[in-house]
Amino acid sequence: MDHRWPTIREVSERTGYNREHLRRLIRAGTLKAEMVGRVYLVDPDNFAAYQERVAKHPHGGPQNE
C-alpha cells in the first residue's frame, strides 16, 4: 500500500477483507484509522503490521511477541 491513507472500501477491494470486518477492527482498536466526515481512512503502516500479525498467527494464537 502507498502512504496515502486509503478508505475502508479501498482496503477491502485491495485485500479482500470484508468492509464490516475492517470497521470492527477499527472500533476494537486493532486497526488505526481516522474518521474524515463519514469515511474512515486506514493507516497503511498499521494495516501492514496487522496483516503480518495475522500471517504469523492465522487462528489467533499468542499476539504479544
C-alpha atoms as a PDB file:
ATOM      1  CA  MET A   1       0.000   0.000   0.000  1.00  0.00           C
ATOM      2  CA  ASP A   2       1.132   3.534  -0.620  1.00  0.00           C
ATOM      3  CA  HIS A   3       1.486   6.032   2.213  1.00  0.00           C
ATOM      4  CA  ARG A   4      -1.781   7.805   1.448  1.00  0.00           C
ATOM      5  CA  TRP A   5      -4.369   6.664   3.966  1.00  0.00           C
ATOM      6  CA  PRO A   6      -6.888   4.577   1.967  1.00  0.00           C
ATOM      7  CA  THR A   7     -10.598   4.291   2.723  1.00  0.00           C
ATOM      8  CA  ILE A   8     -12.118   1.097   4.116  1.00  0.00           C
ATOM      9  CA  ARG A   9     -13.564   0.437   0.668  1.00  0.00           C
ATOM     10  CA  GLU A  10     -10.131   0.710  -0.956  1.00  0.00           C
ATOM     11  CA  VAL A  11      -8.544  -1.593   1.634  1.00  0.00           C
ATOM     12  CA  SER A  12     -11.371  -4.075   1.134  1.00  0.00           C
ATOM     13  CA  GLU A  13     -11.009  -4.036  -2.651  1.00  0.00           C
ATOM     14  CA  ARG A  14      -7.219  -4.470  -2.496  1.00  0.00           C
ATOM     15  CA  THR A  15      -7.112  -7.177   0.152  1.00  0.00           C
ATOM     16  CA  GLY A  16     -10.450  -8.998   0.085  1.00  0.00           C
ATOM     17  CA  TYR A  17     -11.234  -8.154   3.718  1.00  0.00           C
ATOM     18  CA  ASN A  18     -14.927  -7.546   4.309  1.00  0.00           C
ATOM     19  CA  ARG A  19     -15.665  -3.854   4.972  1.00  0.00           C
ATOM     20  CA  GLU A  20     -17.670  -4.594   8.135  1.00  0.00           C
ATOM     21  CA  HIS A  21     -14.792  -6.729   9.471  1.00  0.00           C
ATOM     22  CA  LEU A  22     -12.441  -3.780   8.938  1.00  0.00           C
ATOM     23  CA  ARG A  23     -14.871  -1.473  10.781  1.00  0.00           C
ATOM     24  CA  ARG A  24     -14.981  -3.925  13.707  1.00  0.00           C
ATOM     25  CA  LEU A  25     -11.181  -3.996  13.860  1.00  0.00           C
ATOM     26  CA  ILE A  26     -11.136  -0.186  13.941  1.00  0.00           C
ATOM     27  CA  ARG A  27     -13.800   0.026  16.666  1.00  0.00           C
ATOM     28  CA  ALA A  28     -11.888  -2.571  18.718  1.00  0.00           C
ATOM     29  CA  GLY A  29      -8.702  -0.512  18.418  1.00  0.00           C
ATOM     30  CA  THR A  30      -6.915  -3.238  16.462  1.00  0.00           C
ATOM     31  CA  LEU A  31      -6.550  -1.027  13.391  1.00  0.00           C
ATOM     32  CA  LYS A  32      -5.633   2.639  13.469  1.00  0.00           C
ATOM     33  CA  ALA A  33      -7.907   4.840  11.386  1.00  0.00           C
ATOM     34  CA  GLU A  34      -9.195   8.400  11.300  1.00  0.00           C
ATOM     35  CA  MET A  35     -12.755   9.352  10.513  1.00  0.00           C
ATOM     36  CA  VAL A  36     -12.938  12.151   7.967  1.00  0.00           C
ATOM     37  CA  GLY A  37     -16.528  13.178   7.508  1.00  0.00           C
ATOM     38  CA  ARG A  38     -18.353   9.861   7.320  1.00  0.00           C
ATOM     39  CA  VAL A  39     -15.402   7.880   5.926  1.00  0.00           C
ATOM     40  CA  TYR A  40     -12.683   6.017   7.792  1.00  0.00           C
ATOM     41  CA  LEU A  41      -9.148   6.404   6.454  1.00  0.00           C
ATOM     42  CA  VAL A  42      -6.924   3.477   7.426  1.00  0.00           C
ATOM     43  CA  ASP A  43      -3.287   3.938   8.487  1.00  0.00           C
ATOM     44  CA  PRO A  44      -1.437   1.899   5.829  1.00  0.00           C
ATOM     45  CA  ASP A  45       1.574   1.114   8.050  1.00  0.00           C
ATOM     46  CA  ASN A  46      -0.672  -0.079  10.864  1.00  0.00           C
ATOM     47  CA  PHE A  47      -2.681  -2.221   8.445  1.00  0.00           C
ATOM     48  CA  ALA A  48       0.509  -3.781   7.039  1.00  0.00           C
ATOM     49  CA  ALA A  49       1.585  -4.637  10.601  1.00  0.00           C
ATOM     50  CA  TYR A  50      -1.859  -6.172  11.247  1.00  0.00           C
ATOM     51  CA  GLN A  51      -1.507  -8.341   8.128  1.00  0.00           C
ATOM     52  CA  GLU A  52       1.906  -9.540   9.324  1.00  0.00           C
ATOM     53  CA  ARG A  53       0.460 -10.475  12.747  1.00  0.00           C
ATOM     54  CA  VAL A  54      -2.376 -12.381  11.088  1.00  0.00           C
ATOM     55  CA  ALA A  55       0.056 -14.200   8.798  1.00  0.00           C
ATOM     56  CA  LYS A  56       2.115 -15.293  11.829  1.00  0.00           C
ATOM     57  CA  HIS A  57      -0.939 -16.397  13.840  1.00  0.00           C
ATOM     58  CA  PRO A  58      -3.802 -17.033  11.396  1.00  0.00           C
ATOM     59  CA  HIS A  59      -6.010 -18.689  14.024  1.00  0.00           C
ATOM     60  CA  GLY A  60      -5.416 -16.310  16.918  1.00  0.00           C
ATOM     61  CA  GLY A  61      -2.544 -17.626  18.982  1.00  0.00           C
ATOM     62  CA  PRO A  62      -0.181 -15.528  21.081  1.00  0.00           C
ATOM     63  CA  GLN A  63      -0.126 -11.913  19.929  1.00  0.00           C
ATOM     64  CA  ASN A  64       2.450 -10.324  22.233  1.00  0.00           C
ATOM     65  CA  GLU A  65       5.731 -11.319  20.599  1.00  0.00           C
END
